[in-house]
Amino acid sequence: MGSYPANPQPEVLPPQTATAPPSPRPRRRWSSAPATYLLVGINCAVFLLMVLRGASIWMPTEDQLRFWGADNTGKVLLAGEWWRIISAMFVHVGILHLATNMWCLWNLGLLAEPLMDWFGLLAVYILTGAAGNLLSTAYNWFFPMHDGGVVFYPYGAGASGAVFGIAGALIVLLKSNRLPIPEYELKRLRKSVMYFAGINLVIGLSVSLGSGFTGVRIDNSAHIGGFLCGMLFAAPMVPRIGSPRPVFLTRIRLAMAATVLLLVLFGFYLAQLPRG
């Protein structure tokens, strides 16, 4: 048998290298703006279905737009098809119309969604898009188009009223002093959104004035209605960033309730217009 030292020394183990805690997985961008992705996806899916069902990729016919839910004053006020006020904001008149609207929705949505959360962005899109289509319906009722003495109502479609609504809401929210963002950066962002809205409104009015020569018609009433409704929606709100969550939730619920009430009252007024 072997001998052992009287006072055995403990075995010295090599020092262990400290392992850093696993770094959190980078957050996927879609999860930080799910409503923006969802809205863009729905609009693209509707257009794809239109094309697969035979609609022109460049310029769908009036019958095709009617079938897929475009807004039309006669269909809404005379036939009672009020669902068109919502469906029209997901229907587009050709691939170029879709591409320009989705590019604007993408950029404004990624900026707006962190300020109002995913359900806030969905609410702004639906409510301001509805406001734009309601104002367009009213405008076309009072100022219908004529063709050889025959009165007719044009079809309207697209997400642009809702896009202008998001821009209007952003202009108000970016004025908040609760945002943990340098003041110069807030001013730059706000000016960019204001320029976007102003330039596009001017372009729309210019194109409409020359529609008799170009044949192109832009629904400026839907743009204006969406923009004003967006500003109204954001007025009682505070941004989600930099605000206590209970305060944010209370204010956004107030904004939703007030906007819904206003739209219902305006829709009720339109429904009571005399049919001549």
C-alpha atoms as a PDB file:
ATOM      1  CA  MET A   1       0.000   0.000   0.000  1.00  0.00           C
ATOM      2  CA  GLY A   2       1.248   3.468  -0.739  1.00  0.00           C
ATOM      3  CA  SER A   3       1.911   6.115   1.850  1.00  0.00           C
ATOM      4  CA  TYR A   4       0.092   9.457   2.041  1.00  0.00           C
ATOM      5  CA  PRO A   5       1.352  12.766   3.308  1.00  0.00           C
ATOM      6  CA  ALA A   6       0.206  13.666   6.822  1.00  0.00           C
ATOM      7  CA  ASN A   7      -1.407  16.892   5.707  1.00  0.00           C
ATOM      8  CA  PRO A   8      -2.742  16.347   2.209  1.00  0.00           C
ATOM      9  CA  GLN A   9      -3.121  19.485   0.182  1.00  0.00           C
ATOM     10  CA  PRO A  10      -6.463  20.030  -1.537  1.00  0.00           C
ATOM     11  CA  GLU A  11      -6.421  19.541  -5.220  1.00  0.00           C
ATOM     12  CA  VAL A  12      -6.095  22.817  -7.021  1.00  0.00           C
ATOM     13  CA  LEU A  13      -8.482  23.031  -9.913  1.00  0.00           C
ATOM     14  CA  PRO A  14      -7.798  25.289 -12.882  1.00  0.00           C
ATOM     15  CA  PRO A  15      -9.740  28.521 -12.647  1.00  0.00           C
ATOM     16  CA  GLN A  16     -12.991  28.424 -14.539  1.00  0.00           C
ATOM     17  CA  THR A  17     -13.646  31.037 -17.124  1.00  0.00           C
ATOM     18  CA  ALA A  18     -16.714  33.044 -16.187  1.00  0.00           C
ATOM     19  CA  THR A  19     -19.410  32.524 -18.779  1.00  0.00           C
ATOM     20  CA  ALA A  20     -21.423  35.580 -19.693  1.00  0.00           C
ATOM     21  CA  PRO A  21     -25.180  35.175 -19.517  1.00  0.00           C
ATOM     22  CA  PRO A  22     -26.636  34.419 -22.915  1.00  0.00           C
ATOM     23  CA  SER A  23     -27.332  37.638 -24.716  1.00  0.00           C
ATOM     24  CA  PRO A  24     -30.990  38.213 -25.484  1.00  0.00           C
ATOM     25  CA  ARG A  25     -31.973  37.271 -28.973  1.00  0.00           C
ATOM     26  CA  PRO A  26     -32.314  40.325 -31.158  1.00  0.00           C
ATOM     27  CA  ARG A  27     -35.919  41.326 -31.383  1.00  0.00           C
ATOM     28  CA  ARG A  28     -37.354  40.697 -34.777  1.00  0.00           C
ATOM     29  CA  ARG A  29     -38.448  43.833 -36.459  1.00  0.00           C
ATOM     30  CA  TRP A  30     -41.898  42.505 -37.274  1.00  0.00           C
ATOM     31  CA  SER A  31     -42.588  41.977 -33.572  1.00  0.00           C
ATOM     32  CA  SER A  32     -41.884  45.630 -32.828  1.00  0.00           C
ATOM     33  CA  ALA A  33     -44.421  46.816 -35.421  1.00  0.00           C
ATOM     34  CA  PRO A  34     -46.925  43.973 -35.933  1.00  0.00           C
ATOM     35  CA  ALA A  35     -49.835  46.213 -36.933  1.00  0.00           C
ATOM     36  CA  THR A  36     -47.830  47.853 -39.711  1.00  0.00           C
ATOM     37  CA  TYR A  37     -46.878  44.462 -41.138  1.00  0.00           C
ATOM     38  CA  LEU A  38     -50.437  43.198 -40.754  1.00  0.00           C
ATOM     39  CA  LEU A  39     -51.995  46.158 -42.565  1.00  0.00           C
ATOM     40  CA  VAL A  40     -49.494  46.033 -45.414  1.00  0.00           C
ATOM     41  CA  GLY A  41     -50.038  42.284 -45.674  1.00  0.00           C
ATOM     42  CA  ILE A  42     -53.829  42.574 -45.804  1.00  0.00           C
ATOM     43  CA  ASN A  43     -53.698  45.233 -48.509  1.00  0.00           C
ATOM     44  CA  CYS A  44     -51.275  43.182 -50.616  1.00  0.00           C
ATOM     45  CA  ALA A  45     -53.304  39.997 -50.097  1.00  0.00           C
ATOM     46  CA  VAL A  46     -56.531  41.685 -51.225  1.00  0.00           C
ATOM     47  CA  PHE A  47     -54.827  42.993 -54.351  1.00  0.00           C
ATOM     48  CA  LEU A  48     -53.354  39.568 -55.094  1.00  0.00           C
ATOM     49  CA  LEU A  49     -56.802  38.000 -54.779  1.00  0.00           C
ATOM     50  CA  MET A  50     -58.195  40.657 -57.124  1.00  0.00           C
ATOM     51  CA  VAL A  51     -55.591  39.822 -59.755  1.00  0.00           C
ATOM     52  CA  LEU A  52     -56.054  36.062 -59.334  1.00  0.00           C
ATOM     53  CA  ARG A  53     -59.789  36.541 -59.849  1.00  0.00           C
ATOM     54  CA  GLY A  54     -59.210  38.360 -63.129  1.00  0.00           C
ATOM     55  CA  ALA A  55     -58.823  42.033 -62.175  1.00  0.00           C
ATOM     56  CA  SER A  56     -56.336  44.034 -64.210  1.00  0.00           C
ATOM     57  CA  ILE A  57     -52.991  44.452 -62.480  1.00  0.00           C
ATOM     58  CA  TRP A  58     -52.655  47.981 -63.890  1.00  0.00           C
ATOM     59  CA  MET A  59     -56.170  49.397 -63.992  1.00  0.00           C
ATOM     60  CA  PRO A  60     -59.110  47.360 -62.645  1.00  0.00           C
ATOM     61  CA  THR A  61     -62.466  48.107 -64.223  1.00  0.00           C
ATOM     62  CA  GLU A  62     -65.288  49.851 -62.393  1.00  0.00           C
ATOM     63  CA  ASP A  63     -67.171  46.553 -62.124  1.00  0.00           C
ATOM     64  CA  GLN A  64     -64.140  44.881 -60.574  1.00  0.00           C
ATOM     65  CA  LEU A  65     -63.733  47.703 -58.050  1.00  0.00           C
ATOM     66  CA  ARG A  66     -67.426  47.484 -57.189  1.00  0.00           C
ATOM     67  CA  PHE A  67     -67.198  43.731 -56.657  1.00  0.00           C
ATOM     68  CA  TRP A  68     -64.224  44.028 -54.295  1.00  0.00           C
ATOM     69  CA  GLY A  69     -65.779  46.730 -52.121  1.00  0.00           C
ATOM     70  CA  ALA A  70     -64.722  50.137 -53.426  1.00  0.00           C
ATOM     71  CA  ASP A  71     -66.561  53.108 -51.967  1.00  0.00           C
ATOM     72  CA  ASN A  72     -69.399  54.610 -53.990  1.00  0.00           C
ATOM     73  CA  THR A  73     -71.849  57.258 -52.829  1.00  0.00           C
ATOM     74  CA  GLY A  74     -74.799  55.686 -54.619  1.00  0.00           C
ATOM     75  CA  LYS A  75     -74.065  52.225 -53.256  1.00  0.00           C
ATOM     76  CA  VAL A  76     -73.660  53.557 -49.719  1.00  0.00           C
ATOM     77  CA  LEU A  77     -76.480  56.090 -49.443  1.00  0.00           C
ATOM     78  CA  LEU A  78     -79.001  54.654 -51.901  1.00  0.00           C
ATOM     79  CA  ALA A  79     -78.348  50.911 -51.615  1.00  0.00           C
ATOM     80  CA  GLY A  80     -77.357  50.930 -47.944  1.00  0.00           C
ATOM     81  CA  GLU A  81     -73.984  49.238 -48.483  1.00  0.00           C
ATOM     82  CA  TRP A  82     -72.263  50.957 -45.563  1.00  0.00           C
ATOM     83  CA  TRP A  83     -69.657  48.225 -45.289  1.00  0.00           C
ATOM     84  CA  ARG A  84     -67.917  49.842 -48.263  1.00  0.00           C
ATOM     85  CA  ILE A  85     -66.745  52.633 -45.942  1.00  0.00           C
ATOM     86  CA  ILE A  86     -64.395  50.047 -44.381  1.00  0.00           C
ATOM     87  CA  SER A  87     -63.682  47.672 -47.264  1.00  0.00           C
ATOM     88  CA  ALA A  88     -62.623  50.463 -49.639  1.00  0.00           C
ATOM     89  CA  MET A  89     -59.491  51.199 -47.595  1.00  0.00           C
ATOM     90  CA  PHE A  90     -58.107  47.766 -48.521  1.00  0.00           C
ATOM     91  CA  VAL A  91     -58.856  47.926 -52.271  1.00  0.00           C
ATOM     92  CA  HIS A  92     -56.450  49.520 -54.748  1.00  0.00           C
ATOM     93  CA  VAL A  93     -56.721  50.707 -58.328  1.00  0.00           C
ATOM     94  CA  GLY A  94     -53.709  48.962 -59.828  1.00  0.00           C
ATOM     95  CA  ILE A  95     -50.228  47.921 -58.770  1.00  0.00           C
ATOM     96  CA  LEU A  96     -48.797  51.462 -58.819  1.00  0.00           C
ATOM     97  CA  HIS A  97     -51.582  52.716 -56.575  1.00  0.00           C
ATOM     98  CA  LEU A  98     -50.900  49.845 -54.167  1.00  0.00           C
ATOM     99  CA  ALA A  99     -47.113  50.325 -54.219  1.00  0.00           C
ATOM    100  CA  THR A 100     -47.182  54.049 -53.455  1.00  0.00           C
ATOM    101  CA  ASN A 101     -49.736  53.651 -50.666  1.00  0.00           C
ATOM    102  CA  MET A 102     -47.889  50.724 -49.084  1.00  0.00           C
ATOM    103  CA  TRP A 103     -44.572  52.567 -49.214  1.00  0.00           C
ATOM    104  CA  CYS A 104     -46.140  55.481 -47.319  1.00  0.00           C
ATOM    105  CA  LEU A 105     -47.964  53.174 -44.888  1.00  0.00           C
ATOM    106  CA  TRP A 106     -44.771  51.246 -44.198  1.00  0.00           C
ATOM    107  CA  ASN A 107     -42.687  54.316 -43.379  1.00  0.00           C
ATOM    108  CA  LEU A 108     -45.330  56.152 -41.360  1.00  0.00           C
ATOM    109  CA  GLY A 109     -46.468  52.986 -39.588  1.00  0.00           C
ATOM    110  CA  LEU A 110     -42.959  52.096 -38.381  1.00  0.00           C
ATOM    111  CA  LEU A 111     -42.660  55.607 -36.968  1.00  0.00           C
ATOM    112  CA  ALA A 112     -46.148  55.765 -35.441  1.00  0.00           C
ATOM    113  CA  GLU A 113     -46.586  52.299 -33.957  1.00  0.00           C
ATOM    114  CA  PRO A 114     -44.018  52.712 -31.134  1.00  0.00           C
ATOM    115  CA  LEU A 115     -45.874  55.879 -30.083  1.00  0.00           C
ATOM    116  CA  MET A 116     -49.396  54.436 -30.013  1.00  0.00           C
ATOM    117  CA  ASP A 117     -48.911  50.652 -29.743  1.00  0.00           C
ATOM    118  CA  TRP A 118     -50.208  48.095 -32.227  1.00  0.00           C
ATOM    119  CA  PHE A 119     -53.893  48.482 -31.308  1.00  0.00           C
ATOM    120  CA  GLY A 120     -53.582  52.262 -31.523  1.00  0.00           C
ATOM    121  CA  LEU A 121     -52.212  52.065 -35.050  1.00  0.00           C
ATOM    122  CA  LEU A 122     -54.970  49.658 -36.102  1.00  0.00           C
ATOM    123  CA  ALA A 123     -57.554  52.028 -34.622  1.00  0.00           C
ATOM    124  CA  VAL A 124     -56.057  55.044 -36.379  1.00  0.00           C
ATOM    125  CA  TYR A 125     -55.979  53.217 -39.705  1.00  0.00           C
ATOM    126  CA  ILE A 126     -59.591  52.002 -39.514  1.00  0.00           C
ATOM    127  CA  LEU A 127     -61.129  55.141 -37.997  1.00  0.00           C
ATOM    128  CA  THR A 128     -59.314  57.706 -40.120  1.00  0.00           C
ATOM    129  CA  GLY A 129     -59.794  55.620 -43.253  1.00  0.00           C
ATOM    130  CA  ALA A 130     -63.514  55.488 -42.464  1.00  0.00           C
ATOM    131  CA  ALA A 131     -63.564  59.238 -41.826  1.00  0.00           C
ATOM    132  CA  GLY A 132     -61.966  59.879 -45.206  1.00  0.00           C
ATOM    133  CA  ASN A 133     -64.428  57.621 -47.007  1.00  0.00           C
ATOM    134  CA  LEU A 134     -67.398  59.191 -45.202  1.00  0.00           C
ATOM    135  CA  LEU A 135     -66.269  62.685 -46.195  1.00  0.00           C
ATOM    136  CA  SER A 136     -65.713  61.472 -49.757  1.00  0.00           C
ATOM    137  CA  THR A 137     -69.231  59.995 -49.785  1.00  0.00           C
ATOM    138  CA  ALA A 138     -70.679  63.289 -48.573  1.00  0.00           C
ATOM    139  CA  TYR A 139     -68.677  65.341 -51.084  1.00  0.00           C
ATOM    140  CA  ASN A 140     -69.737  63.200 -54.014  1.00  0.00           C
ATOM    141  CA  TRP A 141     -73.352  63.381 -52.888  1.00  0.00           C
ATOM    142  CA  PHE A 142     -73.373  67.180 -52.918  1.00  0.00           C
ATOM    143  CA  PHE A 143     -71.068  67.510 -55.936  1.00  0.00           C
ATOM    144  CA  PRO A 144     -71.758  64.502 -58.193  1.00  0.00           C
ATOM    145  CA  MET A 145     -70.153  64.039 -61.571  1.00  0.00           C
ATOM    146  CA  HIS A 146     -72.085  64.426 -64.820  1.00  0.00           C
ATOM    147  CA  ASP A 147     -71.767  62.658 -68.123  1.00  0.00           C
ATOM    148  CA  GLY A 148     -74.014  63.949 -70.858  1.00  0.00           C
ATOM    149  CA  GLY A 149     -76.484  65.262 -68.301  1.00  0.00           C
ATOM    150  CA  VAL A 150     -76.547  61.959 -66.405  1.00  0.00           C
ATOM    151  CA  VAL A 151     -75.499  62.112 -62.746  1.00  0.00           C
ATOM    152  CA  PHE A 152     -73.099  59.403 -61.586  1.00  0.00           C
ATOM    153  CA  TYR A 153     -70.916  58.746 -58.569  1.00  0.00           C
ATOM    154  CA  PRO A 154     -67.279  57.683 -59.025  1.00  0.00           C
ATOM    155  CA  TYR A 155     -65.784  54.723 -57.182  1.00  0.00           C
ATOM    156  CA  GLY A 156     -63.114  55.452 -54.595  1.00  0.00           C
ATOM    157  CA  ALA A 157     -60.564  53.049 -53.150  1.00  0.00           C
ATOM    158  CA  GLY A 158     -57.212  52.911 -51.456  1.00  0.00           C
ATOM    159  CA  ALA A 159     -55.421  53.269 -48.138  1.00  0.00           C
ATOM    160  CA  SER A 160     -54.405  56.881 -48.697  1.00  0.00           C
ATOM    161  CA  GLY A 161     -57.111  58.343 -46.437  1.00  0.00           C
ATOM    162  CA  ALA A 162     -55.849  56.158 -43.582  1.00  0.00           C
ATOM    163  CA  VAL A 163     -52.234  56.994 -44.443  1.00  0.00           C
ATOM    164  CA  PHE A 164     -53.041  60.699 -44.172  1.00  0.00           C
ATOM    165  CA  GLY A 165     -54.761  59.900 -40.878  1.00  0.00           C
ATOM    166  CA  ILE A 166     -51.568  58.349 -39.506  1.00  0.00           C
ATOM    167  CA  ALA A 167     -49.655  61.433 -40.645  1.00  0.00           C
ATOM    168  CA  GLY A 168     -52.123  63.721 -38.869  1.00  0.00           C
ATOM    169  CA  ALA A 169     -51.812  61.719 -35.653  1.00  0.00           C
ATOM    170  CA  LEU A 170     -48.024  61.783 -35.865  1.00  0.00           C
ATOM    171  CA  ILE A 171     -47.926  65.562 -36.226  1.00  0.00           C
ATOM    172  CA  VAL A 172     -49.786  65.864 -32.918  1.00  0.00           C
ATOM    173  CA  LEU A 173     -47.953  63.105 -31.016  1.00  0.00           C
ATOM    174  CA  LEU A 174     -44.477  64.272 -32.028  1.00  0.00           C
ATOM    175  CA  LYS A 175     -45.242  67.568 -30.283  1.00  0.00           C
ATOM    176  CA  SER A 176     -45.318  65.806 -26.891  1.00  0.00           C
ATOM    177  CA  ASN A 177     -42.671  66.749 -24.319  1.00  0.00           C
ATOM    178  CA  ARG A 178     -42.895  63.265 -22.761  1.00  0.00           C
ATOM    179  CA  LEU A 179     -40.881  61.616 -25.517  1.00  0.00           C
ATOM    180  CA  PRO A 180     -37.307  60.723 -24.481  1.00  0.00           C
ATOM    181  CA  ILE A 181     -35.958  62.017 -27.776  1.00  0.00           C
ATOM    182  CA  PRO A 182     -33.817  65.122 -28.334  1.00  0.00           C
ATOM    183  CA  GLU A 183     -35.900  68.152 -29.233  1.00  0.00           C
ATOM    184  CA  TYR A 184     -34.061  68.781 -32.491  1.00  0.00           C
ATOM    185  CA  GLU A 185     -34.779  65.202 -33.606  1.00  0.00           C
ATOM    186  CA  LEU A 186     -38.482  65.561 -32.780  1.00  0.00           C
ATOM    187  CA  LYS A 187     -38.663  68.780 -34.784  1.00  0.00           C
ATOM    188  CA  ARG A 188     -36.954  67.120 -37.732  1.00  0.00           C
ATOM    189  CA  LEU A 189     -39.338  64.155 -37.685  1.00  0.00           C
ATOM    190  CA  ARG A 190     -42.385  66.386 -37.280  1.00  0.00           C
ATOM    191  CA  LYS A 191     -41.329  68.623 -40.165  1.00  0.00           C
ATOM    192  CA  SER A 192     -40.795  65.577 -42.363  1.00  0.00           C
ATOM    193  CA  VAL A 193     -44.335  64.338 -41.692  1.00  0.00           C
ATOM    194  CA  MET A 194     -45.770  67.824 -42.248  1.00  0.00           C
ATOM    195  CA  TYR A 195     -43.918  68.128 -45.554  1.00  0.00           C
ATOM    196  CA  PHE A 196     -45.185  64.700 -46.595  1.00  0.00           C
ATOM    197  CA  ALA A 197     -48.803  65.647 -45.878  1.00  0.00           C
ATOM    198  CA  GLY A 198     -48.539  69.122 -47.405  1.00  0.00           C
ATOM    199  CA  ILE A 199     -46.767  68.058 -50.588  1.00  0.00           C
ATOM    200  CA  ASN A 200     -49.135  65.163 -51.220  1.00  0.00           C
ATOM    201  CA  LEU A 201     -52.205  67.320 -50.633  1.00  0.00           C
ATOM    202  CA  VAL A 202     -50.882  69.897 -53.100  1.00  0.00           C
ATOM    203  CA  ILE A 203     -50.104  67.172 -55.651  1.00  0.00           C
ATOM    204  CA  GLY A 204     -53.591  65.727 -55.216  1.00  0.00           C
ATOM    205  CA  LEU A 205     -55.268  69.102 -55.700  1.00  0.00           C
ATOM    206  CA  SER A 206     -53.103  69.851 -58.738  1.00  0.00           C
ATOM    207  CA  VAL A 207     -53.879  66.524 -60.369  1.00  0.00           C
ATOM    208  CA  SER A 208     -57.591  66.973 -59.680  1.00  0.00           C
ATOM    209  CA  LEU A 209     -57.596  70.419 -61.281  1.00  0.00           C
ATOM    210  CA  GLY A 210     -56.089  68.895 -64.402  1.00  0.00           C
ATOM    211  CA  SER A 211     -58.201  65.746 -64.359  1.00  0.00           C
ATOM    212  CA  GLY A 212     -60.154  66.942 -67.365  1.00  0.00           C
ATOM    213  CA  PHE A 213     -56.964  66.716 -69.409  1.00  0.00           C
ATOM    214  CA  THR A 214     -55.209  63.759 -67.767  1.00  0.00           C
ATOM    215  CA  GLY A 215     -58.183  61.551 -66.917  1.00  0.00           C
ATOM    216  CA  VAL A 216     -56.637  60.931 -63.488  1.00  0.00           C
ATOM    217  CA  ARG A 217     -58.780  61.637 -60.420  1.00  0.00           C
ATOM    218  CA  ILE A 218     -57.518  61.763 -56.836  1.00  0.00           C
ATOM    219  CA  ASP A 219     -59.971  61.678 -53.949  1.00  0.00           C
ATOM    220  CA  ASN A 220     -58.751  64.708 -52.020  1.00  0.00           C
ATOM    221  CA  SER A 221     -61.791  64.732 -49.753  1.00  0.00           C
ATOM    222  CA  ALA A 222     -60.759  61.309 -48.427  1.00  0.00           C
ATOM    223  CA  HIS A 223     -57.229  62.602 -47.809  1.00  0.00           C
ATOM    224  CA  ILE A 224     -58.466  65.696 -45.963  1.00  0.00           C
ATOM    225  CA  GLY A 225     -61.018  63.719 -43.949  1.00  0.00           C
ATOM    226  CA  GLY A 226     -58.429  61.159 -42.895  1.00  0.00           C
ATOM    227  CA  PHE A 227     -55.854  63.816 -42.011  1.00  0.00           C
ATOM    228  CA  LEU A 228     -58.232  65.881 -39.857  1.00  0.00           C
ATOM    229  CA  CYS A 229     -59.561  62.766 -38.129  1.00  0.00           C
ATOM    230  CA  GLY A 230     -55.993  61.662 -37.360  1.00  0.00           C
ATOM    231  CA  MET A 231     -55.239  64.966 -35.661  1.00  0.00           C
ATOM    232  CA  LEU A 232     -58.504  64.751 -33.735  1.00  0.00           C
ATOM    233  CA  PHE A 233     -57.768  61.173 -32.678  1.00  0.00           C
ATOM    234  CA  ALA A 234     -54.322  62.092 -31.352  1.00  0.00           C
ATOM    235  CA  ALA A 235     -55.448  65.256 -29.517  1.00  0.00           C
ATOM    236  CA  PRO A 236     -56.412  63.514 -26.232  1.00  0.00           C
ATOM    237  CA  MET A 237     -53.612  60.952 -26.486  1.00  0.00           C
ATOM    238  CA  VAL A 238     -50.162  60.815 -24.963  1.00  0.00           C
ATOM    239  CA  PRO A 239     -47.402  58.782 -26.627  1.00  0.00           C
ATOM    240  CA  ARG A 240     -46.863  55.275 -25.287  1.00  0.00           C
ATOM    241  CA  ILE A 241     -43.129  55.995 -25.085  1.00  0.00           C
ATOM    242  CA  GLY A 242     -42.355  58.045 -21.998  1.00  0.00           C
ATOM    243  CA  SER A 243     -45.854  57.812 -20.484  1.00  0.00           C
ATOM    244  CA  PRO A 244     -47.165  55.644 -17.632  1.00  0.00           C
ATOM    245  CA  ARG A 245     -49.078  52.795 -19.215  1.00  0.00           C
ATOM    246  CA  PRO A 246     -52.332  53.399 -17.289  1.00  0.00           C
ATOM    247  CA  VAL A 247     -52.323  57.016 -18.459  1.00  0.00           C
ATOM    248  CA  PHE A 248     -51.671  55.974 -22.038  1.00  0.00           C
ATOM    249  CA  LEU A 249     -54.434  53.342 -22.005  1.00  0.00           C
ATOM    250  CA  THR A 250     -56.967  55.749 -20.520  1.00  0.00           C
ATOM    251  CA  ARG A 251     -56.199  58.470 -23.037  1.00  0.00           C
ATOM    252  CA  ILE A 252     -56.240  56.170 -26.062  1.00  0.00           C
ATOM    253  CA  ARG A 253     -59.594  54.695 -25.007  1.00  0.00           C
ATOM    254  CA  LEU A 254     -60.939  58.225 -24.744  1.00  0.00           C
ATOM    255  CA  ALA A 255     -59.574  58.991 -28.209  1.00  0.00           C
ATOM    256  CA  MET A 256     -61.191  55.876 -29.697  1.00  0.00           C
ATOM    257  CA  ALA A 257     -64.555  56.520 -28.049  1.00  0.00           C
ATOM    258  CA  ALA A 258     -64.662  60.172 -29.106  1.00  0.00           C
ATOM    259  CA  THR A 259     -63.696  59.371 -32.706  1.00  0.00           C
ATOM    260  CA  VAL A 260     -66.197  56.518 -33.024  1.00  0.00           C
ATOM    261  CA  LEU A 261     -68.965  58.748 -31.640  1.00  0.00           C
ATOM    262  CA  LEU A 262     -68.132  61.505 -34.125  1.00  0.00           C
ATOM    263  CA  LEU A 263     -68.093  59.096 -37.079  1.00  0.00           C
ATOM    264  CA  VAL A 264     -71.387  57.499 -36.035  1.00  0.00           C
ATOM    265  CA  LEU A 265     -73.023  60.906 -35.776  1.00  0.00           C
ATOM    266  CA  PHE A 266     -71.667  61.940 -39.179  1.00  0.00           C
ATOM    267  CA  GLY A 267     -72.827  58.657 -40.711  1.00  0.00           C
ATOM    268  CA  PHE A 268     -76.256  59.152 -39.161  1.00  0.00           C
ATOM    269  CA  TYR A 269     -76.396  62.628 -40.710  1.00  0.00           C
ATOM    270  CA  LEU A 270     -75.539  61.209 -44.130  1.00  0.00           C
ATOM    271  CA  ALA A 271     -78.174  58.501 -43.748  1.00  0.00           C
ATOM    272  CA  GLN A 272     -80.833  61.187 -43.143  1.00  0.00           C
ATOM    273  CA  LEU A 273     -80.028  63.216 -46.266  1.00  0.00           C
ATOM    274  CA  PRO A 274     -83.071  63.592 -48.506  1.00  0.00           C
ATOM    275  CA  ARG A 275     -83.081  61.289 -51.514  1.00  0.00           C
ATOM    276  CA  GLY A 276     -84.185  63.240 -54.517  1.00  0.00           C
END
